N, C-alpha and C. Protein backbone atom coordinates (compact mmCIF):
# COMPACT_ATOMS: atom_id res chain seq x y z
N MET A 1 0.82 -1.19 0.00
CA MET A 1 0.00 0.00 0.00
C MET A 1 0.87 1.26 0.00
N GLU A 2 1.88 1.28 0.83
CA GLU A 2 2.76 2.44 0.91
C GLU A 2 3.51 2.62 -0.40
N HIS A 3 3.90 1.53 -1.03
CA HIS A 3 4.61 1.60 -2.31
C HIS A 3 3.73 2.26 -3.37
N ASP A 4 2.44 1.93 -3.41
CA ASP A 4 1.52 2.53 -4.37
C ASP A 4 1.41 4.04 -4.17
N ALA A 5 1.40 4.47 -2.93
CA ALA A 5 1.32 5.91 -2.64
C ALA A 5 2.58 6.62 -3.13
N ILE A 6 3.72 6.01 -2.92
CA ILE A 6 4.98 6.60 -3.38
C ILE A 6 5.00 6.69 -4.90
N VAL A 7 4.54 5.65 -5.56
CA VAL A 7 4.49 5.64 -7.03
C VAL A 7 3.56 6.74 -7.53
N ARG A 8 2.42 6.92 -6.88
CA ARG A 8 1.48 7.98 -7.28
C ARG A 8 2.11 9.36 -7.13
N VAL A 9 2.79 9.59 -6.03
CA VAL A 9 3.45 10.88 -5.80
C VAL A 9 4.54 11.11 -6.84
N ALA A 10 5.31 10.08 -7.13
CA ALA A 10 6.38 10.20 -8.13
C ALA A 10 5.79 10.52 -9.50
N ARG A 11 4.70 9.88 -9.86
CA ARG A 11 4.06 10.15 -11.15
C ARG A 11 3.55 11.59 -11.22
N LYS A 12 2.98 12.06 -10.12
CA LYS A 12 2.50 13.45 -10.10
C LYS A 12 3.65 14.43 -10.26
N LEU A 13 4.79 14.14 -9.62
CA LEU A 13 5.95 15.01 -9.75
C LEU A 13 6.47 15.04 -11.18
N ILE A 14 6.51 13.87 -11.81
CA ILE A 14 6.95 13.79 -13.20
C ILE A 14 5.98 14.55 -14.10
N GLU A 15 4.69 14.38 -13.88
CA GLU A 15 3.69 15.07 -14.67
C GLU A 15 3.82 16.58 -14.50
N ARG A 16 4.04 17.03 -13.26
CA ARG A 16 4.20 18.46 -12.98
C ARG A 16 5.45 19.02 -13.66
N THR A 17 6.53 18.24 -13.64
CA THR A 17 7.76 18.67 -14.30
C THR A 17 7.55 18.81 -15.80
N GLU A 18 6.86 17.86 -16.40
CA GLU A 18 6.57 17.94 -17.83
C GLU A 18 5.69 19.14 -18.14
N GLN A 19 4.75 19.44 -17.25
CA GLN A 19 3.89 20.59 -17.44
C GLN A 19 4.71 21.88 -17.41
N PHE A 20 5.66 22.00 -16.48
CA PHE A 20 6.49 23.19 -16.42
C PHE A 20 7.38 23.32 -17.65
N ARG A 21 7.85 22.20 -18.19
CA ARG A 21 8.63 22.27 -19.44
C ARG A 21 7.77 22.81 -20.57
N GLU A 22 6.52 22.38 -20.60
CA GLU A 22 5.59 22.86 -21.62
C GLU A 22 5.34 24.36 -21.44
N ILE A 23 5.22 24.81 -20.20
CA ILE A 23 5.00 26.22 -19.91
C ILE A 23 6.19 27.04 -20.39
N GLU A 24 7.40 26.59 -20.10
CA GLU A 24 8.59 27.33 -20.49
C GLU A 24 8.73 27.44 -22.00
N ALA A 25 8.27 26.42 -22.72
CA ALA A 25 8.41 26.40 -24.17
C ALA A 25 7.44 27.36 -24.85
N MET A 26 6.36 27.70 -24.18
CA MET A 26 5.34 28.54 -24.78
C MET A 26 5.49 29.98 -24.29
N GLY A 27 5.69 30.91 -25.18
CA GLY A 27 5.80 32.32 -24.80
C GLY A 27 4.43 32.98 -24.77
N TRP A 28 4.41 34.23 -24.36
CA TRP A 28 3.14 34.96 -24.27
C TRP A 28 2.49 35.15 -25.63
N GLY A 29 3.30 35.40 -26.65
CA GLY A 29 2.75 35.57 -28.00
C GLY A 29 2.09 34.29 -28.50
N ARG A 30 2.77 33.20 -28.27
CA ARG A 30 2.22 31.90 -28.69
C ARG A 30 0.95 31.57 -27.90
N LEU A 31 0.95 31.90 -26.62
CA LEU A 31 -0.25 31.69 -25.80
C LEU A 31 -1.41 32.52 -26.36
N THR A 32 -1.15 33.77 -26.69
CA THR A 32 -2.19 34.65 -27.21
C THR A 32 -2.75 34.10 -28.52
N LEU A 33 -1.88 33.66 -29.42
CA LEU A 33 -2.34 33.09 -30.69
C LEU A 33 -3.15 31.81 -30.47
N SER A 34 -2.71 30.99 -29.54
CA SER A 34 -3.42 29.76 -29.24
C SER A 34 -4.82 30.07 -28.71
N LEU A 35 -4.91 31.03 -27.79
CA LEU A 35 -6.21 31.39 -27.22
C LEU A 35 -7.11 32.03 -28.28
N ALA A 36 -6.54 32.86 -29.15
CA ALA A 36 -7.32 33.50 -30.21
C ALA A 36 -7.88 32.44 -31.17
N GLY A 37 -7.06 31.47 -31.52
CA GLY A 37 -7.51 30.40 -32.41
C GLY A 37 -8.64 29.59 -31.80
N ARG A 38 -8.51 29.28 -30.54
CA ARG A 38 -9.57 28.52 -29.87
C ARG A 38 -10.83 29.36 -29.71
N ALA A 39 -10.66 30.66 -29.45
CA ALA A 39 -11.82 31.54 -29.29
C ALA A 39 -12.59 31.69 -30.60
N LEU A 40 -11.89 31.65 -31.73
CA LEU A 40 -12.57 31.74 -33.02
C LEU A 40 -13.49 30.54 -33.25
N ARG A 41 -13.10 29.40 -32.73
CA ARG A 41 -13.91 28.18 -32.89
C ARG A 41 -15.04 28.09 -31.88
N ARG A 42 -14.90 28.80 -30.75
CA ARG A 42 -15.91 28.73 -29.68
C ARG A 42 -16.26 30.14 -29.22
N PRO A 43 -17.33 30.72 -29.74
CA PRO A 43 -17.70 32.09 -29.37
C PRO A 43 -17.94 32.27 -27.86
N THR A 44 -18.45 31.27 -27.18
CA THR A 44 -18.66 31.42 -25.73
C THR A 44 -17.31 31.53 -25.01
N LEU A 45 -16.33 30.83 -25.51
CA LEU A 45 -14.98 30.94 -24.94
C LEU A 45 -14.42 32.34 -25.20
N ALA A 46 -14.68 32.88 -26.38
CA ALA A 46 -14.20 34.23 -26.69
C ALA A 46 -14.77 35.23 -25.69
N LEU A 47 -16.05 35.13 -25.38
CA LEU A 47 -16.66 36.02 -24.39
C LEU A 47 -16.04 35.83 -23.01
N ALA A 48 -15.82 34.60 -22.63
CA ALA A 48 -15.23 34.32 -21.31
C ALA A 48 -13.82 34.90 -21.23
N LEU A 49 -13.03 34.75 -22.29
CA LEU A 49 -11.67 35.29 -22.31
C LEU A 49 -11.67 36.82 -22.26
N LEU A 50 -12.60 37.44 -22.97
CA LEU A 50 -12.70 38.90 -22.92
C LEU A 50 -13.08 39.40 -21.53
N ARG A 51 -13.99 38.69 -20.87
CA ARG A 51 -14.38 39.08 -19.51
C ARG A 51 -13.18 38.99 -18.55
N VAL A 52 -12.42 37.91 -18.67
CA VAL A 52 -11.25 37.75 -17.81
C VAL A 52 -10.20 38.81 -18.12
N ALA A 53 -9.98 39.09 -19.38
CA ALA A 53 -9.00 40.11 -19.76
C ALA A 53 -9.41 41.47 -19.18
N TRP A 54 -10.70 41.76 -19.22
CA TRP A 54 -11.17 43.04 -18.67
C TRP A 54 -10.99 43.09 -17.16
N ARG A 55 -11.21 41.98 -16.48
CA ARG A 55 -11.01 41.93 -15.03
C ARG A 55 -9.54 42.13 -14.64
N PHE A 56 -8.64 41.65 -15.47
CA PHE A 56 -7.21 41.71 -15.16
C PHE A 56 -6.57 43.04 -15.55
N ARG A 57 -7.30 43.90 -16.23
CA ARG A 57 -6.70 45.15 -16.73
C ARG A 57 -6.22 46.03 -15.58
N ASP A 58 -5.21 46.84 -15.88
CA ASP A 58 -4.75 47.85 -14.94
C ASP A 58 -5.82 48.93 -14.89
N ARG A 59 -6.26 49.29 -13.71
CA ARG A 59 -7.35 50.26 -13.58
C ARG A 59 -6.97 51.66 -14.08
N ALA A 60 -5.69 51.95 -14.15
CA ALA A 60 -5.23 53.25 -14.62
C ALA A 60 -4.78 53.21 -16.07
N TRP A 61 -5.29 52.29 -16.87
CA TRP A 61 -4.81 52.11 -18.23
C TRP A 61 -5.08 53.32 -19.12
N LEU A 62 -6.07 54.12 -18.80
CA LEU A 62 -6.36 55.31 -19.61
C LEU A 62 -5.37 56.44 -19.38
N ARG A 63 -4.62 56.37 -18.30
CA ARG A 63 -3.69 57.45 -17.97
C ARG A 63 -2.26 57.20 -18.45
N ARG A 64 -1.97 55.98 -18.92
CA ARG A 64 -0.60 55.65 -19.32
C ARG A 64 -0.56 55.07 -20.73
N PRO A 65 0.40 55.53 -21.53
CA PRO A 65 0.56 54.90 -22.84
C PRO A 65 0.93 53.44 -22.66
N PRO A 66 0.53 52.57 -23.50
CA PRO A 66 -0.06 52.70 -24.82
C PRO A 66 -1.58 52.82 -24.81
N PHE A 67 -2.19 53.15 -23.68
CA PHE A 67 -3.64 53.36 -23.55
C PHE A 67 -4.44 52.14 -23.98
N LEU A 68 -3.96 50.97 -23.57
CA LEU A 68 -4.65 49.70 -23.82
C LEU A 68 -4.98 49.06 -22.48
N PRO A 69 -6.12 48.40 -22.39
CA PRO A 69 -6.50 47.78 -21.11
C PRO A 69 -5.71 46.49 -20.83
N LEU A 70 -4.43 46.64 -20.59
CA LEU A 70 -3.55 45.51 -20.31
C LEU A 70 -3.33 45.39 -18.81
N PRO A 71 -3.03 44.19 -18.33
CA PRO A 71 -2.76 44.04 -16.89
C PRO A 71 -1.42 44.66 -16.51
N SER A 72 -1.31 45.07 -15.27
CA SER A 72 -0.05 45.58 -14.75
C SER A 72 0.98 44.46 -14.78
N ARG A 73 2.20 44.79 -15.17
CA ARG A 73 3.26 43.79 -15.23
C ARG A 73 3.51 43.18 -13.85
N ASP A 74 3.53 44.02 -12.81
CA ASP A 74 3.77 43.52 -11.45
C ASP A 74 2.66 42.57 -11.01
N TYR A 75 1.42 42.93 -11.32
CA TYR A 75 0.29 42.09 -10.95
C TYR A 75 0.36 40.75 -11.68
N LEU A 76 0.64 40.80 -12.96
CA LEU A 76 0.72 39.57 -13.75
C LEU A 76 1.85 38.67 -13.26
N ARG A 77 3.00 39.27 -12.96
CA ARG A 77 4.12 38.47 -12.42
C ARG A 77 3.74 37.83 -11.09
N TRP A 78 3.05 38.58 -10.23
CA TRP A 78 2.61 38.03 -8.94
C TRP A 78 1.64 36.87 -9.14
N ARG A 79 0.71 37.03 -10.08
CA ARG A 79 -0.24 35.95 -10.37
C ARG A 79 0.48 34.69 -10.85
N MET A 80 1.47 34.85 -11.70
CA MET A 80 2.23 33.71 -12.20
C MET A 80 3.03 33.05 -11.08
N TYR A 81 3.56 33.86 -10.19
CA TYR A 81 4.32 33.30 -9.07
C TYR A 81 3.40 32.51 -8.13
N THR A 82 2.24 33.04 -7.83
CA THR A 82 1.33 32.33 -6.92
C THR A 82 0.75 31.07 -7.56
N ALA A 83 0.60 31.08 -8.87
CA ALA A 83 0.03 29.91 -9.54
C ALA A 83 1.07 28.86 -9.92
N TYR A 84 2.26 29.30 -10.35
CA TYR A 84 3.24 28.37 -10.90
C TYR A 84 4.59 28.39 -10.21
N GLY A 85 4.76 29.27 -9.23
CA GLY A 85 6.02 29.31 -8.48
C GLY A 85 7.16 29.97 -9.23
N ASP A 86 6.84 30.72 -10.29
CA ASP A 86 7.86 31.39 -11.09
C ASP A 86 7.28 32.69 -11.61
N TYR A 87 7.95 33.79 -11.34
CA TYR A 87 7.47 35.09 -11.78
C TYR A 87 7.36 35.20 -13.29
N ASP A 88 8.20 34.48 -14.01
CA ASP A 88 8.25 34.58 -15.48
C ASP A 88 7.51 33.45 -16.19
N ALA A 89 6.70 32.70 -15.47
CA ALA A 89 5.97 31.59 -16.07
C ALA A 89 4.93 32.10 -17.06
N VAL A 90 4.65 31.28 -18.05
CA VAL A 90 3.56 31.54 -18.99
C VAL A 90 2.60 30.37 -18.82
N PRO A 91 1.35 30.65 -18.51
CA PRO A 91 0.42 29.55 -18.24
C PRO A 91 0.07 28.77 -19.50
N PRO A 92 -0.21 27.49 -19.37
CA PRO A 92 -0.69 26.72 -20.53
C PRO A 92 -2.06 27.24 -20.96
N ALA A 93 -2.35 27.17 -22.23
CA ALA A 93 -3.63 27.66 -22.75
C ALA A 93 -4.80 26.98 -22.05
N ASP A 94 -4.67 25.69 -21.76
CA ASP A 94 -5.76 24.97 -21.10
C ASP A 94 -6.06 25.54 -19.72
N ASP A 95 -5.04 25.96 -18.99
CA ASP A 95 -5.25 26.57 -17.68
C ASP A 95 -6.02 27.89 -17.81
N VAL A 96 -5.64 28.70 -18.79
CA VAL A 96 -6.30 29.98 -18.99
C VAL A 96 -7.76 29.76 -19.38
N ILE A 97 -8.00 28.81 -20.26
CA ILE A 97 -9.36 28.51 -20.70
C ILE A 97 -10.20 28.00 -19.54
N ARG A 98 -9.64 27.08 -18.77
CA ARG A 98 -10.36 26.54 -17.62
C ARG A 98 -10.74 27.66 -16.64
N TYR A 99 -9.79 28.55 -16.37
CA TYR A 99 -10.06 29.66 -15.46
C TYR A 99 -11.12 30.61 -16.03
N ALA A 100 -11.00 30.94 -17.32
CA ALA A 100 -11.95 31.87 -17.94
C ALA A 100 -13.36 31.32 -17.91
N LEU A 101 -13.51 30.05 -18.21
CA LEU A 101 -14.86 29.44 -18.19
C LEU A 101 -15.39 29.38 -16.77
N TRP A 102 -14.54 29.08 -15.81
CA TRP A 102 -14.96 29.05 -14.41
C TRP A 102 -15.36 30.44 -13.93
N ALA A 103 -14.55 31.44 -14.25
CA ALA A 103 -14.81 32.80 -13.78
C ALA A 103 -16.06 33.39 -14.42
N SER A 104 -16.33 33.06 -15.67
CA SER A 104 -17.50 33.61 -16.33
C SER A 104 -18.78 32.86 -15.96
N ALA A 105 -18.64 31.69 -15.36
CA ALA A 105 -19.82 30.93 -14.94
C ALA A 105 -20.40 31.44 -13.64
N LYS A 106 -19.66 32.27 -12.93
CA LYS A 106 -20.12 32.79 -11.63
C LYS A 106 -21.30 33.72 -11.79
């Protein structure tokens, strides 16, 4: 029984390591293109992603160039650190989609 538990923990660690490798390989631009492509195929997902993007925007975006509703870099880095343990992490598209659908279902 104890051996099975150890094997399960080891498998989870390996799976998590592979997930982090996948995260490192995908940049923000690639993530954006992936999400845009998926949103084109699923209009409800597009709405959910837009809602989440609006929630994450810097509240002072109208006062600073480039005058786009983008999230604060510090806030985004903090979110990545709390979620993935790395300030420079890029989340997998599936994580962003899962979160957007969950957040818009509230």
